[in-house]
Structure formats: structure tokens, C-alpha cells
Amino acid sequence: MVGRLRTWARSIKRDVHALYLSARDPRVPWYAKAVALSVAAYALSPIDLIPDFIPVLGYLDDLILVPLGIIVAVKLIPPGVLAEHRATALQVPLQASRTAAFVIIAVWIGLALVTLGAVIRYFAPTA
């Protein structure tokens, strides 16, 4: 069972890398790029929707959201293109990018600000 889990985890890592590569490929439709990039960004993001320190729920998003996102993205990307990027993902390791980290952090900050603004507007007294 441990071997199967290890294999599954490696395939998730490979697919996230392949989705990242697919999102940058001009042969992939724009909507598939959007889904693939969103899934890859969420999977690689250091910030989770539900923090990992919350018992059980913290890892639920990683165990459910990421695989479901991968399934959706894989169905949208042309099979030949995905196979090519899966092979590349096995050969070339995923490298950390400061630009990608900056973009991911900026998106999370932006979402937090929008949420904060909505909460303030909702609870603000009306005149």
C-alpha cells in the first residue's frame, strides 16, 4: 500500500509539472491553459485554501482539490500535447521561480484584499 501511495504522489507531482508546461504551450486552448495554470499554481503555492495545521481539514484540500483539478485539466488538454509534457516533466526537474512565487503571493494578497473589502462593505453601517 505504501508503494502505491508513493507512486500516486509521484504521478501527481509529474502531472502538476506537466500542467504547468501545458499552460505555456500555444497548442493548448485558452480555457485549458487557465485551468491548468490555476491547478499548477494552487498545487505549487505555499499558501493553501485551508492551512495544513488544521487537523484533518488542512490536508483535505490537497487530497481532494488538487487531484480533481488535475482530472479536469487533463480532460481539457489535447492528449498528444499532454503526453509530450508528461515526458518532459519526468526528464526535467521543476525549478523554483522567483517570478512565479511573486505572482502567486500577489494573487493571494489581492484575493485577501478583495475579501476584506467585501467584509467591510457588508458590515459597514449604512447611513
N, C-alpha and C. Protein backbone atom coordinates (compact mmCIF):
# COMPACT_ATOMS: atom_id res chain seq x y z
N MET A 1 0.82 -1.19 0.00
CA MET A 1 0.00 0.00 0.00
C MET A 1 0.87 1.27 0.00
N VAL A 2 1.97 1.23 0.75
CA VAL A 2 2.86 2.39 0.79
C VAL A 2 3.46 2.64 -0.59
N GLY A 3 3.77 1.58 -1.29
CA GLY A 3 4.32 1.71 -2.64
C GLY A 3 3.33 2.36 -3.60
N ARG A 4 2.07 1.98 -3.48
CA ARG A 4 1.03 2.57 -4.33
C ARG A 4 0.86 4.06 -4.03
N LEU A 5 0.89 4.41 -2.74
CA LEU A 5 0.77 5.83 -2.36
C LEU A 5 1.95 6.63 -2.88
N ARG A 6 3.12 6.05 -2.80
CA ARG A 6 4.33 6.73 -3.28
C ARG A 6 4.26 6.95 -4.80
N THR A 7 3.79 5.93 -5.52
CA THR A 7 3.63 6.04 -6.97
C THR A 7 2.59 7.10 -7.32
N TRP A 8 1.47 7.12 -6.58
CA TRP A 8 0.41 8.10 -6.80
C TRP A 8 0.93 9.51 -6.56
N ALA A 9 1.70 9.70 -5.49
CA ALA A 9 2.25 11.02 -5.19
C ALA A 9 3.21 11.48 -6.29
N ARG A 10 4.02 10.56 -6.80
CA ARG A 10 4.93 10.92 -7.91
C ARG A 10 4.16 11.30 -9.16
N SER A 11 3.06 10.59 -9.44
CA SER A 11 2.28 10.92 -10.63
C SER A 11 1.59 12.27 -10.48
N ILE A 12 1.17 12.61 -9.26
CA ILE A 12 0.57 13.94 -9.01
C ILE A 12 1.63 15.01 -9.27
N LYS A 13 2.82 14.81 -8.74
CA LYS A 13 3.91 15.79 -8.93
C LYS A 13 4.24 15.94 -10.41
N ARG A 14 4.32 14.83 -11.12
CA ARG A 14 4.61 14.86 -12.56
C ARG A 14 3.50 15.59 -13.32
N ASP A 15 2.25 15.29 -12.97
CA ASP A 15 1.13 15.92 -13.67
C ASP A 15 1.05 17.41 -13.40
N VAL A 16 1.36 17.84 -12.19
CA VAL A 16 1.36 19.28 -11.88
C VAL A 16 2.41 19.98 -12.74
N HIS A 17 3.59 19.38 -12.85
CA HIS A 17 4.64 19.95 -13.70
C HIS A 17 4.20 19.95 -15.16
N ALA A 18 3.59 18.85 -15.60
CA ALA A 18 3.11 18.77 -16.99
C ALA A 18 2.02 19.81 -17.25
N LEU A 19 1.15 20.06 -16.28
CA LEU A 19 0.11 21.08 -16.44
C LEU A 19 0.73 22.47 -16.56
N TYR A 20 1.76 22.71 -15.76
CA TYR A 20 2.47 23.99 -15.84
C TYR A 20 3.06 24.18 -17.24
N LEU A 21 3.70 23.12 -17.76
CA LEU A 21 4.28 23.20 -19.09
C LEU A 21 3.19 23.35 -20.16
N SER A 22 2.07 22.66 -19.99
CA SER A 22 0.96 22.74 -20.94
C SER A 22 0.34 24.13 -20.97
N ALA A 23 0.31 24.80 -19.82
CA ALA A 23 -0.27 26.13 -19.76
C ALA A 23 0.54 27.14 -20.56
N ARG A 24 1.76 26.81 -20.86
CA ARG A 24 2.63 27.71 -21.63
C ARG A 24 2.74 27.30 -23.10
N ASP A 25 2.02 26.24 -23.48
CA ASP A 25 2.10 25.72 -24.84
C ASP A 25 1.04 26.38 -25.73
N PRO A 26 1.43 26.91 -26.90
CA PRO A 26 0.46 27.59 -27.77
C PRO A 26 -0.57 26.64 -28.41
N ARG A 27 -0.33 25.33 -28.38
CA ARG A 27 -1.28 24.37 -28.97
C ARG A 27 -2.47 24.08 -28.05
N VAL A 28 -2.40 24.56 -26.82
CA VAL A 28 -3.46 24.29 -25.84
C VAL A 28 -4.46 25.44 -25.87
N PRO A 29 -5.77 25.14 -25.89
CA PRO A 29 -6.78 26.21 -25.90
C PRO A 29 -6.69 27.08 -24.65
N TRP A 30 -7.15 28.33 -24.75
CA TRP A 30 -7.01 29.29 -23.66
C TRP A 30 -7.70 28.82 -22.38
N TYR A 31 -8.88 28.19 -22.49
CA TYR A 31 -9.61 27.76 -21.30
C TYR A 31 -8.87 26.62 -20.60
N ALA A 32 -8.24 25.75 -21.37
CA ALA A 32 -7.45 24.67 -20.78
C ALA A 32 -6.20 25.24 -20.11
N LYS A 33 -5.60 26.27 -20.73
CA LYS A 33 -4.45 26.94 -20.13
C LYS A 33 -4.83 27.55 -18.79
N ALA A 34 -6.00 28.19 -18.74
CA ALA A 34 -6.45 28.84 -17.50
C ALA A 34 -6.64 27.81 -16.38
N VAL A 35 -7.26 26.69 -16.70
CA VAL A 35 -7.48 25.65 -15.70
C VAL A 35 -6.15 25.03 -15.29
N ALA A 36 -5.30 24.71 -16.26
CA ALA A 36 -4.00 24.08 -15.96
C ALA A 36 -3.13 24.99 -15.11
N LEU A 37 -3.09 26.26 -15.46
CA LEU A 37 -2.27 27.20 -14.70
C LEU A 37 -2.82 27.38 -13.29
N SER A 38 -4.13 27.42 -13.15
CA SER A 38 -4.75 27.57 -11.82
C SER A 38 -4.43 26.36 -10.95
N VAL A 39 -4.55 25.17 -11.50
CA VAL A 39 -4.27 23.95 -10.73
C VAL A 39 -2.79 23.90 -10.35
N ALA A 40 -1.91 24.18 -11.31
CA ALA A 40 -0.47 24.15 -11.03
C ALA A 40 -0.10 25.21 -9.99
N ALA A 41 -0.65 26.40 -10.11
CA ALA A 41 -0.35 27.47 -9.16
C ALA A 41 -0.84 27.09 -7.76
N TYR A 42 -2.02 26.53 -7.66
CA TYR A 42 -2.54 26.15 -6.35
C TYR A 42 -1.71 25.01 -5.75
N ALA A 43 -1.36 24.03 -6.56
CA ALA A 43 -0.58 22.89 -6.06
C ALA A 43 0.82 23.31 -5.62
N LEU A 44 1.40 24.26 -6.33
CA LEU A 44 2.77 24.69 -6.02
C LEU A 44 2.83 25.85 -5.03
N SER A 45 1.68 26.44 -4.75
CA SER A 45 1.62 27.60 -3.87
C SER A 45 1.95 27.20 -2.43
N PRO A 46 2.72 28.04 -1.75
CA PRO A 46 2.99 27.76 -0.34
C PRO A 46 1.79 28.10 0.55
N ILE A 47 0.80 28.77 -0.01
CA ILE A 47 -0.39 29.17 0.75
C ILE A 47 -1.55 28.29 0.32
N ASP A 48 -2.21 27.65 1.28
CA ASP A 48 -3.34 26.76 0.99
C ASP A 48 -4.65 27.45 1.31
N LEU A 49 -5.71 26.98 0.69
CA LEU A 49 -7.05 27.46 0.98
C LEU A 49 -7.40 27.18 2.44
N ILE A 50 -7.10 25.97 2.88
CA ILE A 50 -7.26 25.58 4.28
C ILE A 50 -5.87 25.27 4.80
N PRO A 51 -5.36 26.02 5.81
CA PRO A 51 -3.99 25.79 6.30
C PRO A 51 -3.78 24.35 6.78
N ASP A 52 -2.58 23.83 6.53
CA ASP A 52 -2.27 22.44 6.85
C ASP A 52 -2.23 22.15 8.35
N PHE A 53 -2.08 23.17 9.19
CA PHE A 53 -2.01 22.91 10.63
C PHE A 53 -3.38 22.61 11.24
N ILE A 54 -4.46 22.82 10.50
CA ILE A 54 -5.80 22.46 10.98
C ILE A 54 -5.95 20.95 10.82
N PRO A 55 -6.20 20.23 11.93
CA PRO A 55 -6.26 18.77 11.85
C PRO A 55 -7.29 18.29 10.82
N VAL A 56 -6.94 17.30 10.07
CA VAL A 56 -7.72 16.61 9.05
C VAL A 56 -8.09 17.55 7.89
N LEU A 57 -8.77 18.65 8.16
CA LEU A 57 -9.21 19.56 7.10
C LEU A 57 -8.04 20.18 6.34
N GLY A 58 -6.92 20.37 7.03
CA GLY A 58 -5.77 21.01 6.41
C GLY A 58 -5.22 20.25 5.21
N TYR A 59 -5.26 18.95 5.27
CA TYR A 59 -4.75 18.14 4.17
C TYR A 59 -5.85 17.70 3.20
N LEU A 60 -7.10 17.93 3.58
CA LEU A 60 -8.21 17.53 2.73
C LEU A 60 -8.18 18.26 1.39
N ASP A 61 -7.86 19.56 1.41
CA ASP A 61 -7.83 20.29 0.15
C ASP A 61 -6.73 19.74 -0.76
N ASP A 62 -5.60 19.36 -0.19
CA ASP A 62 -4.52 18.79 -1.01
C ASP A 62 -4.90 17.41 -1.55
N LEU A 63 -5.66 16.65 -0.79
CA LEU A 63 -6.03 15.30 -1.21
C LEU A 63 -7.23 15.26 -2.14
N ILE A 64 -8.05 16.33 -2.14
CA ILE A 64 -9.25 16.33 -2.96
C ILE A 64 -9.17 17.36 -4.09
N LEU A 65 -8.87 18.62 -3.75
CA LEU A 65 -8.90 19.69 -4.75
C LEU A 65 -7.85 19.53 -5.84
N VAL A 66 -6.63 19.21 -5.45
CA VAL A 66 -5.56 19.10 -6.45
C VAL A 66 -5.82 17.95 -7.42
N PRO A 67 -6.13 16.72 -6.94
CA PRO A 67 -6.42 15.65 -7.90
C PRO A 67 -7.64 15.94 -8.79
N LEU A 68 -8.69 16.53 -8.22
CA LEU A 68 -9.86 16.88 -9.04
C LEU A 68 -9.51 17.92 -10.09
N GLY A 69 -8.71 18.90 -9.70
CA GLY A 69 -8.27 19.91 -10.66
C GLY A 69 -7.43 19.31 -11.77
N ILE A 70 -6.57 18.36 -11.40
CA ILE A 70 -5.74 17.68 -12.40
C ILE A 70 -6.62 16.91 -13.37
N ILE A 71 -7.63 16.22 -12.85
CA ILE A 71 -8.52 15.45 -13.72
C ILE A 71 -9.22 16.36 -14.73
N VAL A 72 -9.73 17.50 -14.26
CA VAL A 72 -10.42 18.44 -15.15
C VAL A 72 -9.45 18.98 -16.20
N ALA A 73 -8.27 19.40 -15.77
CA ALA A 73 -7.30 19.98 -16.70
C ALA A 73 -6.84 18.96 -17.74
N VAL A 74 -6.62 17.71 -17.30
CA VAL A 74 -6.17 16.66 -18.22
C VAL A 74 -7.21 16.40 -19.31
N LYS A 75 -8.48 16.49 -18.96
CA LYS A 75 -9.55 16.27 -19.94
C LYS A 75 -9.62 17.40 -20.97
N LEU A 76 -9.15 18.60 -20.60
CA LEU A 76 -9.23 19.76 -21.49
C LEU A 76 -8.02 19.88 -22.43
N ILE A 77 -6.90 19.31 -22.05
CA ILE A 77 -5.66 19.43 -22.83
C ILE A 77 -5.61 18.31 -23.87
N PRO A 78 -5.24 18.62 -25.11
CA PRO A 78 -5.11 17.57 -26.14
C PRO A 78 -4.16 16.46 -25.67
N PRO A 79 -4.54 15.19 -25.86
CA PRO A 79 -3.75 14.07 -25.33
C PRO A 79 -2.30 14.03 -25.80
N GLY A 80 -2.06 14.35 -27.06
CA GLY A 80 -0.69 14.32 -27.56
C GLY A 80 0.20 15.37 -26.90
N VAL A 81 -0.36 16.53 -26.70
CA VAL A 81 0.38 17.62 -26.05
C VAL A 81 0.68 17.24 -24.60
N LEU A 82 -0.33 16.70 -23.91
CA LEU A 82 -0.14 16.30 -22.52
C LEU A 82 0.90 15.20 -22.39
N ALA A 83 0.87 14.22 -23.28
CA ALA A 83 1.85 13.13 -23.25
C ALA A 83 3.27 13.67 -23.44
N GLU A 84 3.41 14.62 -24.34
CA GLU A 84 4.72 15.25 -24.57
C GLU A 84 5.21 15.96 -23.31
N HIS A 85 4.33 16.69 -22.66
CA HIS A 85 4.73 17.44 -21.46
C HIS A 85 4.93 16.54 -20.25
N ARG A 86 4.22 15.41 -20.20
CA ARG A 86 4.47 14.44 -19.13
C ARG A 86 5.87 13.85 -19.27
N ALA A 87 6.26 13.54 -20.50
CA ALA A 87 7.61 13.01 -20.73
C ALA A 87 8.67 14.04 -20.36
N THR A 88 8.42 15.30 -20.72
CA THR A 88 9.36 16.36 -20.36
C THR A 88 9.43 16.53 -18.85
N ALA A 89 8.28 16.44 -18.17
CA ALA A 89 8.24 16.60 -16.72
C ALA A 89 9.05 15.52 -16.01
N LEU A 90 9.11 14.33 -16.60
CA LEU A 90 9.91 13.26 -16.00
C LEU A 90 11.40 13.49 -16.17
N GLN A 91 11.78 14.15 -17.27
CA GLN A 91 13.20 14.33 -17.58
C GLN A 91 13.78 15.59 -16.96
N VAL A 92 13.00 16.67 -16.95
CA VAL A 92 13.49 17.97 -16.49
C VAL A 92 12.84 18.31 -15.15
N PRO A 93 13.65 18.50 -14.10
CA PRO A 93 13.05 18.82 -12.81
C PRO A 93 12.44 20.22 -12.80
N LEU A 94 11.40 20.38 -12.01
CA LEU A 94 10.73 21.67 -11.86
C LEU A 94 11.62 22.59 -11.05
N GLN A 95 11.91 23.76 -11.60
CA GLN A 95 12.79 24.70 -10.92
C GLN A 95 11.98 25.81 -10.27
N ALA A 96 12.43 26.24 -9.11
CA ALA A 96 11.76 27.32 -8.41
C ALA A 96 11.95 28.62 -9.19
N SER A 97 10.90 29.39 -9.27
CA SER A 97 10.95 30.65 -9.99
C SER A 97 10.52 31.77 -9.06
N ARG A 98 11.36 32.76 -8.92
CA ARG A 98 11.02 33.91 -8.07
C ARG A 98 9.84 34.68 -8.65
N THR A 99 9.79 34.76 -9.96
CA THR A 99 8.69 35.47 -10.61
C THR A 99 7.37 34.76 -10.32
N ALA A 100 7.35 33.45 -10.46
CA ALA A 100 6.13 32.69 -10.18
C ALA A 100 5.74 32.83 -8.71
N ALA A 101 6.70 32.79 -7.81
CA ALA A 101 6.41 32.97 -6.39
C ALA A 101 5.81 34.35 -6.14
N PHE A 102 6.37 35.36 -6.78
CA PHE A 102 5.85 36.72 -6.62
C PHE A 102 4.42 36.82 -7.13
N VAL A 103 4.15 36.23 -8.28
CA VAL A 103 2.80 36.28 -8.86
C VAL A 103 1.81 35.55 -7.96
N ILE A 104 2.17 34.38 -7.46
CA ILE A 104 1.27 33.62 -6.59
C ILE A 104 0.99 34.40 -5.31
N ILE A 105 2.01 34.96 -4.71
CA ILE A 105 1.82 35.75 -3.48
C ILE A 105 0.98 36.98 -3.77
N ALA A 106 1.20 37.64 -4.90
CA ALA A 106 0.42 38.82 -5.26
C ALA A 106 -1.05 38.46 -5.47
N VAL A 107 -1.32 37.32 -6.09
CA VAL A 107 -2.71 36.88 -6.29
C VAL A 107 -3.38 36.63 -4.95
N TRP A 108 -2.70 35.93 -4.04
CA TRP A 108 -3.28 35.67 -2.72
C TRP A 108 -3.51 36.96 -1.95
N ILE A 109 -2.58 37.90 -2.02
CA ILE A 109 -2.78 39.19 -1.35
C ILE A 109 -3.96 39.92 -1.96
N GLY A 110 -4.06 39.90 -3.29
CA GLY A 110 -5.18 40.55 -3.96
C GLY A 110 -6.52 39.93 -3.55
N LEU A 111 -6.57 38.60 -3.49
CA LEU A 111 -7.80 37.93 -3.06
C LEU A 111 -8.15 38.28 -1.61
N ALA A 112 -7.13 38.36 -0.77
CA ALA A 112 -7.37 38.73 0.63
C ALA A 112 -7.91 40.15 0.73
N LEU A 113 -7.36 41.06 -0.07
CA LEU A 113 -7.84 42.45 -0.05
C LEU A 113 -9.27 42.57 -0.56
N VAL A 114 -9.59 41.84 -1.61
CA VAL A 114 -10.96 41.85 -2.13
C VAL A 114 -11.93 41.29 -1.09
N THR A 115 -11.54 40.20 -0.44
CA THR A 115 -12.38 39.61 0.60
C THR A 115 -12.55 40.57 1.77
N LEU A 116 -11.47 41.21 2.18
CA LEU A 116 -11.53 42.18 3.28
C LEU A 116 -12.45 43.34 2.91
N GLY A 117 -12.33 43.84 1.69
CA GLY A 117 -13.20 44.92 1.24
C GLY A 117 -14.66 44.51 1.25
N ALA A 118 -14.96 43.29 0.81
CA ALA A 118 -16.34 42.81 0.81
C ALA A 118 -16.88 42.68 2.23
N VAL A 119 -16.05 42.19 3.14
CA VAL A 119 -16.47 42.06 4.54
C VAL A 119 -16.73 43.42 5.15
N ILE A 120 -15.85 44.37 4.89
CA ILE A 120 -16.03 45.73 5.43
C ILE A 120 -17.31 46.34 4.89
N ARG A 121 -17.55 46.21 3.59
CA ARG A 121 -18.79 46.77 2.99
C ARG A 121 -20.03 46.09 3.57
N TYR A 122 -19.93 44.81 3.83
CA TYR A 122 -21.09 44.07 4.34
C TYR A 122 -21.43 44.50 5.77
N PHE A 123 -20.40 44.70 6.58
CA PHE A 123 -20.64 45.04 7.98
C PHE A 123 -20.64 46.53 8.27
N ALA A 124 -20.34 47.34 7.28
CA ALA A 124 -20.32 48.81 7.49
C ALA A 124 -21.74 49.29 7.72
N PRO A 125 -21.89 50.22 8.68
CA PRO A 125 -23.24 50.76 8.93
C PRO A 125 -23.69 51.63 7.75
N THR A 126 -24.95 51.52 7.42
CA THR A 126 -25.48 52.33 6.34
C THR A 126 -26.08 53.61 6.92
N ALA A 127 -25.93 54.66 6.18
CA ALA A 127 -26.39 55.97 6.69
C ALA A 127 -27.80 56.27 6.27
